[in-house]
Amino acid sequence: MKVKRLKEVLNTISSIIKTRNASIPVLESMYLTPGKVILSDLCNWILLDFPHEVEGLIDFEKFKKLVAAMDPADTVGFKQSIEKKHIYVTINGKIEVMYPREEEMTKDFPLQEETPNELFLGEIDAKTRAMLSEALLFSSNDELRPAMCGVAYGQYICGTDANMLYFEKPSNPWITGYESLIAGIKKQEPFILTKEAVKFIEKQKSNVVAYALYNKAERLSIDKKEPLIDYAAGYVKLVAEEVTFIGKWVYERYPDFLNVIPDVENTNHLEYVIDRKQFEKSVKLAIVQANQVTYRTVLEPSEDGITVSSEDLDYGWAYKKKLACKVESVHVEKQRLVINTLEDGTSVEEIKEVPPMEFYNRIGFNGKFLLKVIQRSKDAYVFIQSQAPSRGAIVDGKYLIMPIMLDNPEY
């Protein structure tokens, strides 16, 4: 294999599999088996296609430093001694480096358990890869909630830390999921890719093909059309050019994020269009003057603009600035079907008129969360949709930020 390509692969591996100070000594090595080079941290495996006929272990960090010292145009290979006591590294076909081959440690290397069933999930293209990277930025770092540390991939790609949510529909959603029984209702859940799986996808320059590896036979989904894998499924397999990633699924229910996203397509709401640079500057200043625990930043919309403010009552700090803003009350839901139950138990349907949404006084956010979402915007203007001060607001159609309750008896 050419050194230039090998360096790229080794850098990808080292960003996912941590070999230094591994939990067991054998994990500090890469396992050579005919045609493959394998690394593992017990939860994830990376398999590199590498033509050779050697079986044994080589210290990964030592080999990585060796490759870093080579010329990019060099070609690297492996051979072993006739008595199988040493592993040789060839450079441009000539043996130049030698490593001892330890038979006992080779037997201890943890290989991924065999799973007889493989189910095609889909192909991840450049656009989907960018969505997964974006979702990972909004995922949690709380290891006690492993589902929220990863990225959900189903009809939506999403990541959340319970304060902010990124959600976007991919062009090639994974229809396949698993069924869970919640209060007697069967529901199809999205798959959850771990951070390591998403990082592997991020590093690839070509499309990645995804499979599910599992032990039990597949079942049919709720509509009897799409195949499902059992909740006890084993691994996700991501196949890229010359490299394959295999990692364990996260077996935890993902938050039902669709219930907290305002249905702005079918219900009345307010829409704001604000200059991004001016808004970002104001929120940064508001964060400085806000309480340094909650970073509470308040938006006060009106027909002719929006006021950004913050304060810290303990120190008497405050900030307030009015920005130009296009504010519109969007009247989508003009009629609503209401079902009334009479005293005799019968139900009567009634169609009621729904008035346009009025401007509310204030809505509060954690300024740091709001700033993170604003800075992810790539347009000249920030587009915000909101239904009420007590509900999350949608920013640019793909970010949801949860509000902070304000000391306002009206709400």
Protein backbone atom coordinates (compact mmCIF):
# COMPACT_ATOMS: atom_id res chain seq x y z
CA MET A 1 0.00 0.00 0.00
CA LYS A 2 1.20 3.51 -0.81
CA VAL A 3 2.40 5.49 2.22
CA LYS A 4 0.31 8.54 1.30
CA ARG A 5 -2.93 6.56 1.53
CA LEU A 6 -1.73 4.58 4.54
CA LYS A 7 -1.06 7.79 6.48
CA GLU A 8 -4.64 8.95 5.84
CA VAL A 9 -6.06 5.65 7.04
CA LEU A 10 -3.87 5.52 10.16
CA ASN A 11 -4.91 9.08 11.10
CA THR A 12 -8.56 8.08 10.72
CA ILE A 13 -8.02 5.02 12.89
CA SER A 14 -6.18 6.91 15.64
CA SER A 15 -9.01 9.48 15.87
CA ILE A 16 -11.50 6.67 16.59
CA ILE A 17 -9.60 3.82 18.26
CA LYS A 18 -7.51 4.96 21.22
CA THR A 19 -4.54 2.60 21.51
CA ARG A 20 -2.46 4.56 24.03
CA ASN A 21 -2.98 3.38 27.62
CA ALA A 22 -5.60 0.90 26.42
CA SER A 23 -7.64 -1.05 28.98
CA ILE A 24 -5.73 -4.23 28.11
CA PRO A 25 -2.21 -4.33 26.60
CA VAL A 26 -3.21 -6.27 23.48
CA LEU A 27 -5.41 -3.35 22.35
CA GLU A 28 -2.32 -1.19 21.93
CA SER A 29 -1.42 -3.33 18.93
CA MET A 30 -2.84 -3.79 15.45
CA TYR A 31 -3.69 -7.33 14.46
CA LEU A 32 -2.37 -8.61 11.15
CA THR A 33 -4.33 -11.42 9.54
CA PRO A 34 -4.03 -12.44 5.86
CA GLY A 35 -5.50 -9.63 3.73
CA LYS A 36 -6.45 -7.44 6.71
CA VAL A 37 -5.13 -5.11 9.41
CA ILE A 38 -7.52 -4.86 12.39
CA LEU A 39 -7.70 -2.52 15.39
CA SER A 40 -10.22 -2.59 18.24
CA ASP A 41 -11.20 -0.97 21.54
CA LEU A 42 -13.66 -3.80 22.43
CA CYS A 43 -16.66 -1.77 21.22
CA ASN A 44 -15.47 -0.82 17.74
CA TRP A 45 -13.36 -2.49 15.06
CA ILE A 46 -11.66 -0.98 12.03
CA LEU A 47 -10.58 -3.37 9.26
CA LEU A 48 -8.14 -2.20 6.61
CA ASP A 49 -7.81 -4.16 3.36
CA PHE A 50 -4.09 -4.81 3.06
CA PRO A 51 -2.62 -7.55 0.80
CA HIS A 52 -0.26 -9.73 2.89
CA GLU A 53 -0.01 -13.27 4.31
CA VAL A 54 1.14 -12.46 7.86
CA GLU A 55 -0.57 -13.19 11.17
CA GLY A 56 0.58 -11.40 14.33
CA LEU A 57 0.63 -8.14 16.30
CA ILE A 58 2.54 -4.88 15.80
CA ASP A 59 2.51 -1.94 18.22
CA PHE A 60 0.23 0.58 16.51
CA GLU A 61 1.83 3.82 17.72
CA LYS A 62 5.30 2.54 16.81
CA PHE A 63 4.14 1.58 13.33
CA LYS A 64 2.36 4.90 12.86
CA LYS A 65 5.58 6.80 13.67
CA LEU A 66 7.45 4.55 11.25
CA VAL A 67 5.02 5.33 8.43
CA ALA A 68 5.16 9.06 9.24
CA ALA A 69 8.91 8.99 8.62
CA MET A 70 8.53 7.43 5.17
CA ASP A 71 8.27 9.14 1.80
CA PRO A 72 4.64 9.46 0.54
CA ALA A 73 5.58 7.66 -2.69
CA ASP A 74 6.93 4.59 -0.85
CA THR A 75 5.08 1.28 -0.83
CA VAL A 76 4.67 -0.65 2.45
CA GLY A 77 4.13 -4.40 2.88
CA PHE A 78 4.46 -7.16 5.49
CA LYS A 79 6.32 -10.48 5.57
CA GLN A 80 7.19 -12.93 8.31
CA SER A 81 10.20 -15.13 9.00
CA ILE A 82 10.12 -18.81 8.07
CA GLU A 83 10.05 -19.85 11.74
CA LYS A 84 7.26 -17.25 12.35
CA LYS A 85 9.14 -15.55 15.17
CA HIS A 86 9.43 -12.13 13.51
CA ILE A 87 7.29 -9.81 11.38
CA TYR A 88 9.07 -7.77 8.72
CA VAL A 89 7.97 -4.44 7.25
CA THR A 90 8.98 -4.05 3.61
CA ILE A 91 9.57 -0.66 2.01
CA ASN A 92 9.41 -0.70 -1.78
CA GLY A 93 9.65 -4.49 -1.69
CA LYS A 94 12.77 -4.67 0.52
CA ILE A 95 12.82 -5.82 4.15
CA GLU A 96 13.98 -2.90 6.29
CA VAL A 97 12.15 -3.17 9.66
CA MET A 98 11.65 -6.10 12.05
CA TYR A 99 9.21 -6.67 14.93
CA PRO A 100 9.04 -9.66 17.29
CA ARG A 101 5.99 -11.88 16.87
CA GLU A 102 4.37 -12.86 20.18
CA GLU A 103 2.23 -15.96 19.67
CA GLU A 104 0.34 -15.82 22.98
CA MET A 105 -0.74 -12.17 22.68
CA THR A 106 -1.88 -12.79 19.10
CA LYS A 107 -4.39 -15.33 20.39
CA ASP A 108 -5.75 -12.79 22.90
CA PHE A 109 -6.72 -10.13 20.37
CA PRO A 110 -10.53 -9.55 20.62
CA LEU A 111 -12.20 -10.07 17.25
CA GLN A 112 -15.80 -9.07 16.57
CA GLU A 113 -18.21 -11.95 17.11
CA GLU A 114 -19.67 -13.45 13.98
CA THR A 115 -23.22 -12.40 13.11
CA PRO A 116 -24.94 -14.57 10.47
CA ASN A 117 -27.42 -11.94 9.24
CA GLU A 118 -26.57 -8.80 7.28
CA LEU A 119 -29.17 -6.21 6.28
CA PHE A 120 -28.51 -3.33 3.87
CA LEU A 121 -29.47 0.03 5.42
CA GLY A 122 -28.46 2.57 2.82
CA GLU A 123 -25.68 4.56 1.19
CA ILE A 124 -24.34 7.68 2.90
CA ASP A 125 -23.41 10.38 0.39
CA ALA A 126 -21.61 13.69 0.91
CA LYS A 127 -24.79 15.60 1.80
CA THR A 128 -25.87 13.01 4.35
CA ARG A 129 -22.34 12.94 5.75
CA ALA A 130 -22.55 16.71 6.34
CA MET A 131 -25.89 16.24 8.15
CA LEU A 132 -24.40 13.58 10.43
CA SER A 133 -21.46 15.86 11.24
CA GLU A 134 -23.83 18.71 12.06
CA ALA A 135 -25.98 16.47 14.26
CA LEU A 136 -22.93 15.30 16.18
CA LEU A 137 -22.18 18.91 17.18
CA PHE A 138 -25.50 19.01 19.03
CA SER A 139 -25.27 15.60 20.69
CA SER A 140 -24.72 15.22 24.42
CA ASN A 141 -21.49 14.40 26.27
CA ASP A 142 -23.37 12.72 29.11
CA GLU A 143 -22.09 9.14 29.03
CA LEU A 144 -24.93 8.08 31.35
CA ARG A 145 -27.29 8.65 28.41
CA PRO A 146 -25.54 6.86 25.54
CA ALA A 147 -28.41 7.38 23.08
CA MET A 148 -28.08 11.17 23.29
CA CYS A 149 -24.30 10.91 22.88
CA GLY A 150 -24.87 9.57 19.38
CA VAL A 151 -26.82 10.56 16.29
CA ALA A 152 -30.26 9.15 15.43
CA TYR A 153 -30.75 8.09 11.83
CA GLY A 154 -34.22 7.23 10.59
CA GLN A 155 -36.74 9.41 8.79
CA TYR A 156 -34.75 12.29 10.33
CA ILE A 157 -31.10 12.72 11.21
CA CYS A 158 -30.91 14.38 14.58
CA GLY A 159 -28.67 15.11 17.54
CA THR A 160 -29.65 16.62 20.89
CA ASP A 161 -28.35 17.40 24.37
CA ALA A 162 -31.90 18.12 25.68
CA ASN A 163 -31.34 21.90 25.37
CA MET A 164 -30.86 22.11 21.62
CA LEU A 165 -31.88 19.82 18.80
CA TYR A 166 -30.68 19.49 15.23
CA PHE A 167 -33.15 17.72 12.93
CA GLU A 168 -33.20 17.38 9.16
CA LYS A 169 -34.66 14.93 6.67
CA PRO A 170 -32.01 13.14 4.60
CA SER A 171 -32.58 12.43 0.93
CA ASN A 172 -32.07 8.71 1.62
CA PRO A 173 -33.65 7.97 5.02
CA TRP A 174 -33.17 4.61 6.69
CA ILE A 175 -36.66 3.13 6.74
CA THR A 176 -35.44 0.11 8.65
CA GLY A 177 -35.67 0.29 12.43
CA TYR A 178 -36.56 -1.86 15.36
CA GLU A 179 -39.88 -2.21 17.15
CA SER A 180 -40.22 -1.34 20.81
CA LEU A 181 -43.26 -1.92 22.97
CA ILE A 182 -44.26 1.28 24.77
CA ALA A 183 -47.50 1.20 26.78
CA GLY A 184 -48.77 -1.56 24.55
CA ILE A 185 -48.11 0.41 21.37
CA LYS A 186 -45.56 -0.85 18.87
CA LYS A 187 -43.34 1.87 17.54
CA GLN A 188 -40.54 1.95 15.00
CA GLU A 189 -37.40 3.49 16.49
CA PRO A 190 -34.50 5.14 14.64
CA PHE A 191 -31.04 3.62 14.72
CA ILE A 192 -28.43 5.42 16.81
CA LEU A 193 -24.94 5.82 15.42
CA THR A 194 -22.23 6.25 18.04
CA LYS A 195 -19.81 9.16 17.94
CA GLU A 196 -17.12 6.79 16.72
CA ALA A 197 -19.29 5.68 13.79
CA VAL A 198 -20.07 9.28 12.80
CA LYS A 199 -16.38 10.25 13.07
CA PHE A 200 -15.51 7.37 10.74
CA ILE A 201 -18.09 8.59 8.21
CA GLU A 202 -16.77 12.17 8.50
CA LYS A 203 -13.26 11.09 7.55
CA GLN A 204 -14.30 9.37 4.31
CA LYS A 205 -14.04 11.12 0.95
CA SER A 206 -16.27 8.67 -0.90
CA ASN A 207 -19.74 7.30 -0.18
CA VAL A 208 -20.15 4.90 2.75
CA VAL A 209 -22.43 1.86 2.56
CA ALA A 210 -24.17 0.89 5.82
CA TYR A 211 -25.34 -2.55 6.96
CA ALA A 212 -26.85 -3.98 10.13
CA LEU A 213 -25.29 -7.15 11.49
CA TYR A 214 -27.47 -9.20 13.83
CA ASN A 215 -28.02 -12.67 15.17
CA LYS A 216 -31.77 -13.19 15.04
CA ALA A 217 -33.87 -13.53 11.92
CA GLU A 218 -35.42 -10.34 10.61
CA ARG A 219 -39.08 -9.58 11.21
CA LEU A 220 -41.52 -7.43 9.30
CA SER A 221 -42.33 -3.89 10.34
CA ILE A 222 -45.69 -2.62 11.52
CA ASP A 223 -46.98 -2.20 7.96
CA LYS A 224 -45.57 -5.64 6.98
CA LYS A 225 -43.57 -4.10 4.16
CA GLU A 226 -40.17 -3.08 5.47
CA PRO A 227 -37.78 -5.51 7.20
CA LEU A 228 -36.82 -4.89 10.81
CA ILE A 229 -33.95 -6.12 12.86
CA ASP A 230 -34.53 -7.30 16.37
CA TYR A 231 -33.87 -4.99 19.32
CA ALA A 232 -31.05 -7.36 20.26
CA ALA A 233 -29.25 -6.68 16.98
CA GLY A 234 -25.48 -6.63 17.14
CA TYR A 235 -23.53 -4.14 15.08
CA VAL A 236 -23.49 -1.46 12.41
CA LYS A 237 -21.11 -2.08 9.53
CA LEU A 238 -19.85 0.89 7.51
CA VAL A 239 -17.96 0.06 4.33
CA ALA A 240 -15.77 2.68 2.65
CA GLU A 241 -12.87 2.54 0.23
CA GLU A 242 -10.39 -0.05 1.61
CA VAL A 243 -11.65 0.49 5.17
CA THR A 244 -14.54 -1.05 7.12
CA PHE A 245 -15.90 0.10 10.49
CA ILE A 246 -17.87 -2.24 12.74
CA GLY A 247 -19.37 -0.88 15.95
CA LYS A 248 -21.98 -1.89 18.47
CA TRP A 249 -25.46 -0.40 18.29
CA VAL A 250 -26.69 1.79 21.13
CA TYR A 251 -29.56 -0.08 22.79
CA GLU A 252 -31.42 2.82 24.36
CA ARG A 253 -34.59 4.58 23.30
CA TYR A 254 -33.96 7.92 21.62
CA PRO A 255 -36.00 10.91 22.90
CA ASP A 256 -39.26 11.38 20.99
CA PHE A 257 -38.13 14.68 19.52
CA LEU A 258 -41.05 15.00 17.10
CA ASN A 259 -43.36 15.76 20.03
CA VAL A 260 -41.43 18.90 21.02
CA ILE A 261 -41.00 20.38 17.54
CA PRO A 262 -43.76 22.93 16.87
CA ASP A 263 -45.92 21.95 13.90
CA VAL A 264 -45.47 25.25 12.08
CA GLU A 265 -46.78 23.83 8.81
CA ASN A 266 -50.28 23.33 10.23
CA THR A 267 -50.57 25.71 13.18
CA ASN A 268 -50.42 29.46 13.70
CA HIS A 269 -47.07 30.92 14.75
CA LEU A 270 -44.79 33.95 14.65
CA GLU A 271 -41.89 34.28 12.23
CA TYR A 272 -38.87 36.57 12.67
CA VAL A 273 -36.24 37.42 10.07
CA ILE A 274 -33.16 39.06 11.66
CA ASP A 275 -29.84 40.16 10.21
CA ARG A 276 -27.44 37.41 11.31
CA LYS A 277 -24.35 39.56 11.99
CA GLN A 278 -26.28 42.13 14.04
CA PHE A 279 -28.13 39.40 15.93
CA GLU A 280 -24.93 37.49 16.68
CA LYS A 281 -23.21 40.64 17.94
CA SER A 282 -26.13 41.53 20.23
CA VAL A 283 -26.39 38.02 21.69
CA LYS A 284 -22.63 38.00 22.40
CA LEU A 285 -22.94 41.27 24.34
CA ALA A 286 -26.05 40.01 26.13
CA ILE A 287 -24.16 36.90 27.29
CA VAL A 288 -21.44 39.07 28.87
CA GLN A 289 -23.98 41.05 30.87
CA ALA A 290 -26.26 38.12 31.71
CA ASN A 291 -26.27 35.96 34.83
CA GLN A 292 -23.19 33.77 34.44
CA VAL A 293 -25.07 30.63 35.49
CA THR A 294 -28.20 30.75 33.32
CA TYR A 295 -26.99 33.20 30.61
CA ARG A 296 -30.63 34.18 30.28
CA THR A 297 -31.14 36.26 27.16
CA VAL A 298 -34.58 37.72 26.44
CA LEU A 299 -36.13 38.49 23.05
CA GLU A 300 -39.03 40.97 22.98
CA PRO A 301 -40.71 40.99 19.55
CA SER A 302 -42.87 43.82 18.29
CA GLU A 303 -44.33 44.85 14.97
CA ASP A 304 -41.36 47.09 14.15
CA GLY A 305 -38.41 45.04 15.46
CA ILE A 306 -37.06 42.85 18.23
CA THR A 307 -35.28 43.82 21.46
CA VAL A 308 -32.41 41.69 22.80
CA SER A 309 -31.76 42.10 26.52
CA SER A 310 -30.15 40.47 29.54
CA GLU A 311 -29.42 41.32 33.16
CA ASP A 312 -27.72 40.09 36.30
CA LEU A 313 -29.69 41.31 39.32
CA ASP A 314 -26.93 40.33 41.77
CA TYR A 315 -24.38 42.70 40.23
CA GLY A 316 -26.69 45.18 38.52
CA TRP A 317 -25.38 44.34 35.04
CA ALA A 318 -27.71 44.82 32.09
CA TYR A 319 -27.81 44.97 28.31
CA LYS A 320 -30.57 46.07 25.95
CA LYS A 321 -30.66 46.77 22.21
CA LYS A 322 -33.40 46.93 19.61
CA LEU A 323 -32.70 45.39 16.22
CA ALA A 324 -34.44 45.74 12.90
CA CYS A 325 -36.52 42.64 12.36
CA LYS A 326 -39.30 41.52 10.09
CA VAL A 327 -41.98 39.99 12.32
CA GLU A 328 -45.04 38.26 10.90
CA SER A 329 -47.98 36.43 12.43
CA VAL A 330 -48.57 33.44 10.15
CA HIS A 331 -52.23 32.42 10.04
CA VAL A 332 -52.19 28.81 8.84
CA GLU A 333 -54.86 27.16 10.96
CA LYS A 334 -58.08 29.07 10.33
CA GLN A 335 -60.52 26.43 11.55
CA ARG A 336 -60.24 23.64 14.09
CA LEU A 337 -62.44 20.61 14.72
CA VAL A 338 -63.45 20.42 18.39
CA ILE A 339 -65.20 17.37 19.90
CA ASN A 340 -67.38 18.17 22.92
CA THR A 341 -68.69 15.47 25.26
CA LEU A 342 -72.21 16.08 26.58
CA GLU A 343 -73.59 15.08 29.97
CA ASP A 344 -75.27 12.00 28.53
CA GLY A 345 -71.92 10.77 27.21
CA THR A 346 -72.55 11.55 23.56
CA SER A 347 -70.00 13.50 21.50
CA VAL A 348 -70.74 16.49 19.32
CA GLU A 349 -68.34 17.80 16.69
CA GLU A 350 -67.99 21.54 16.25
CA ILE A 351 -65.86 23.58 13.87
CA LYS A 352 -64.42 26.70 15.52
CA GLU A 353 -62.68 29.65 13.96
CA VAL A 354 -59.02 30.05 15.00
CA PRO A 355 -57.89 33.70 15.27
CA PRO A 356 -54.43 34.82 14.10
CA MET A 357 -51.69 34.50 16.71
CA GLU A 358 -51.03 37.67 18.71
CA PHE A 359 -47.55 38.94 19.52
CA TYR A 360 -46.38 37.72 22.94
CA ASN A 361 -44.31 39.99 25.17
CA ARG A 362 -41.10 38.04 25.78
CA ILE A 363 -39.34 34.74 25.23
CA GLY A 364 -36.10 33.73 26.98
CA PHE A 365 -33.22 31.47 25.97
CA ASN A 366 -29.85 30.44 27.31
CA GLY A 367 -27.69 32.94 25.42
CA LYS A 368 -24.85 30.47 24.83
CA PHE A 369 -27.22 27.96 23.25
CA LEU A 370 -28.81 30.67 21.13
CA LEU A 371 -25.39 31.91 19.98
CA LYS A 372 -24.30 28.40 18.96
CA VAL A 373 -27.37 28.04 16.75
CA ILE A 374 -26.93 31.51 15.22
CA GLN A 375 -23.29 30.80 14.40
CA ARG A 376 -24.26 27.62 12.57
CA SER A 377 -26.40 29.71 10.21
CA LYS A 378 -24.81 30.21 6.81
CA ASP A 379 -27.32 32.73 5.47
CA ALA A 380 -27.31 36.51 5.79
CA TYR A 381 -30.49 36.34 7.89
CA VAL A 382 -31.63 34.17 10.78
CA PHE A 383 -35.15 32.76 10.39
CA ILE A 384 -37.00 31.97 13.65
CA GLN A 385 -40.43 30.34 14.03
CA SER A 386 -42.12 30.29 17.43
CA GLN A 387 -45.55 29.38 18.78
CA ALA A 388 -45.32 30.38 22.44
CA PRO A 389 -42.79 31.48 25.12
CA SER A 390 -43.17 28.06 26.76
CA ARG A 391 -42.34 26.07 23.61
CA GLY A 392 -39.12 25.59 21.69
CA ALA A 393 -38.34 27.86 18.76
CA ILE A 394 -37.22 26.59 15.35
CA VAL A 395 -34.21 28.36 13.83
CA ASP A 396 -33.52 28.10 10.08
CA GLY A 397 -35.90 25.17 9.80
CA LYS A 398 -33.50 22.59 11.31
CA TYR A 399 -32.50 23.72 14.80
CA LEU A 400 -34.71 23.68 17.87
CA ILE A 401 -33.75 25.60 21.00
CA MET A 402 -35.69 25.19 24.23
CA PRO A 403 -36.76 28.34 26.13
CA ILE A 404 -36.00 29.48 29.67
CA MET A 405 -39.03 30.32 31.81
CA LEU A 406 -39.22 34.03 32.62
CA ASP A 407 -40.49 35.67 35.79
CA ASN A 408 -43.63 36.86 34.08
CA PRO A 409 -46.96 36.03 35.81
CA GLU A 410 -48.72 36.39 32.46
CA TYR A 411 -47.13 33.12 31.38
